[in-house]
Amino acid sequence: MSDCLFCKIVAGKIPSTKVYEDEFVYAFLDIAPQAPFHAVIIPKEHIGSADEITAQNSILIAKVFEAVAKIAKSENLEKGYRVVNNCGEDGGQTVHHIHFHLLARRNLAWPPG
């Protein structure tokens, strides 16, 4: 999508601090981190939200979670981390390209507050 912020980041039209990239996934540091380590992980192919996951594109979500494990290992997140997805307006989604926040390096209490 030509007007999608995350598609522009993947295309290199908007700068980001890359932490991981492969054929299917791109991950970068969040510009407003909510934890000492806060990356945003996205499939390179545009999927608007979790509501748009289908049998045809669900492999991309699996690739995202494979990337999560690789990032956690490379960033030495052995004490733990949280993966968060916001879906829709009430769910707090502000960019309409499915993305997952990887938060770590602090105690992440539940429920979040």
Protein backbone atom coordinates (compact mmCIF):
# COMPACT_ATOMS: atom_id res chain seq x y z
CA MET A 1 0.00 0.00 0.00
CA SER A 2 1.51 3.30 -1.10
CA ASP A 3 0.29 5.32 1.91
CA CYS A 4 1.18 2.76 4.60
CA LEU A 5 3.85 3.94 7.04
CA PHE A 6 5.27 0.46 7.61
CA CYS A 7 5.29 -0.38 3.88
CA LYS A 8 7.33 2.81 3.38
CA ILE A 9 9.76 1.68 6.10
CA VAL A 10 10.16 -1.73 4.43
CA ALA A 11 10.75 0.01 1.08
CA GLY A 12 13.46 2.21 2.63
CA LYS A 13 11.51 5.42 2.01
CA ILE A 14 11.39 6.17 5.75
CA PRO A 15 14.47 5.53 7.89
CA SER A 16 14.44 3.04 10.75
CA THR A 17 16.91 1.29 13.02
CA LYS A 18 16.84 -2.28 11.76
CA VAL A 19 17.26 -5.12 14.24
CA TYR A 20 16.31 -7.99 11.90
CA GLU A 21 15.43 -8.65 8.28
CA ASP A 22 14.84 -11.68 6.12
CA GLU A 23 12.84 -12.42 2.98
CA PHE A 24 9.48 -12.17 4.79
CA VAL A 25 9.97 -10.03 7.90
CA TYR A 26 11.42 -6.68 8.90
CA ALA A 27 12.01 -5.57 12.51
CA PHE A 28 13.11 -2.18 13.78
CA LEU A 29 13.41 -0.26 17.03
CA ASP A 30 10.26 1.58 18.11
CA ILE A 31 10.64 5.38 18.03
CA ALA A 32 8.68 5.71 21.30
CA PRO A 33 9.94 2.72 23.32
CA GLN A 34 7.84 1.39 26.17
CA ALA A 35 10.66 -0.79 27.53
CA PRO A 36 14.48 -0.68 27.43
CA PHE A 37 14.25 -2.99 24.40
CA HIS A 38 11.26 -2.34 22.14
CA ALA A 39 11.20 -3.58 18.55
CA VAL A 40 8.36 -3.56 16.04
CA ILE A 41 8.18 -6.69 13.89
CA ILE A 42 6.21 -6.70 10.64
CA PRO A 43 5.63 -8.94 7.67
CA LYS A 44 6.98 -7.27 4.55
CA GLU A 45 3.72 -8.01 2.75
CA HIS A 46 0.90 -5.69 3.77
CA ILE A 47 -1.74 -7.24 6.02
CA GLY A 48 -3.96 -4.59 7.62
CA SER A 49 -4.57 -6.24 11.00
CA ALA A 50 -5.11 -9.55 12.75
CA ASP A 51 -8.65 -9.44 11.32
CA GLU A 52 -7.12 -9.94 7.86
CA ILE A 53 -5.13 -13.11 8.61
CA THR A 54 -6.21 -15.90 6.26
CA ALA A 55 -5.13 -19.40 5.32
CA GLN A 56 -3.28 -17.80 2.39
CA ASN A 57 -1.21 -15.30 4.43
CA SER A 58 -0.92 -16.95 7.85
CA ILE A 59 2.51 -18.32 6.95
CA LEU A 60 3.75 -14.72 7.20
CA ILE A 61 2.59 -14.55 10.82
CA ALA A 62 4.48 -17.77 11.52
CA LYS A 63 7.55 -16.12 9.95
CA VAL A 64 7.10 -13.15 12.29
CA PHE A 65 7.19 -15.46 15.31
CA GLU A 66 10.23 -17.28 13.93
CA ALA A 67 11.86 -13.84 13.76
CA VAL A 68 10.81 -13.12 17.36
CA ALA A 69 12.80 -16.14 18.55
CA LYS A 70 15.84 -15.13 16.47
CA ILE A 71 15.73 -11.54 17.76
CA ALA A 72 15.33 -12.70 21.36
CA LYS A 73 18.40 -14.87 20.96
CA SER A 74 20.50 -12.21 19.21
CA GLU A 75 19.50 -9.56 21.76
CA ASN A 76 20.12 -11.88 24.75
CA LEU A 77 16.58 -11.61 26.07
CA GLU A 78 17.00 -14.76 28.16
CA LYS A 79 15.19 -13.23 31.17
CA GLY A 80 12.00 -13.00 29.09
CA TYR A 81 10.01 -10.72 26.88
CA ARG A 82 6.47 -9.87 25.79
CA VAL A 83 5.00 -9.89 22.28
CA VAL A 84 1.98 -7.61 21.78
CA ASN A 85 -0.39 -7.11 18.85
CA ASN A 86 -2.99 -4.35 18.82
CA CYS A 87 -6.00 -4.90 16.56
CA GLY A 88 -8.46 -2.18 15.63
CA GLU A 89 -9.18 1.23 17.12
CA ASP A 90 -10.32 -0.01 20.53
CA GLY A 91 -7.36 -2.39 20.61
CA GLY A 92 -4.97 0.53 20.24
CA GLN A 93 -3.85 -0.10 16.65
CA THR A 94 -2.55 3.16 15.19
CA VAL A 95 -0.76 1.86 12.08
CA HIS A 96 -2.94 -0.34 9.89
CA HIS A 97 -0.25 -2.83 8.89
CA ILE A 98 -0.17 -5.82 11.22
CA HIS A 99 2.73 -5.51 13.62
CA PHE A 100 3.98 -7.02 16.81
CA HIS A 101 5.79 -5.21 19.61
CA LEU A 102 8.65 -7.11 21.25
CA LEU A 103 9.26 -5.61 24.70
CA ALA A 104 12.01 -6.64 27.09
CA ARG A 105 14.68 -5.74 29.63
CA ARG A 106 12.27 -4.71 32.37
CA ASN A 107 9.68 -6.47 34.49
CA LEU A 108 6.48 -6.49 32.45
CA ALA A 109 3.70 -6.75 35.04
CA TRP A 110 0.27 -8.07 34.13
CA PRO A 111 -2.16 -6.58 33.52
CA PRO A 112 -0.25 -3.86 31.70
CA GLY A 113 -0.68 -0.44 33.12
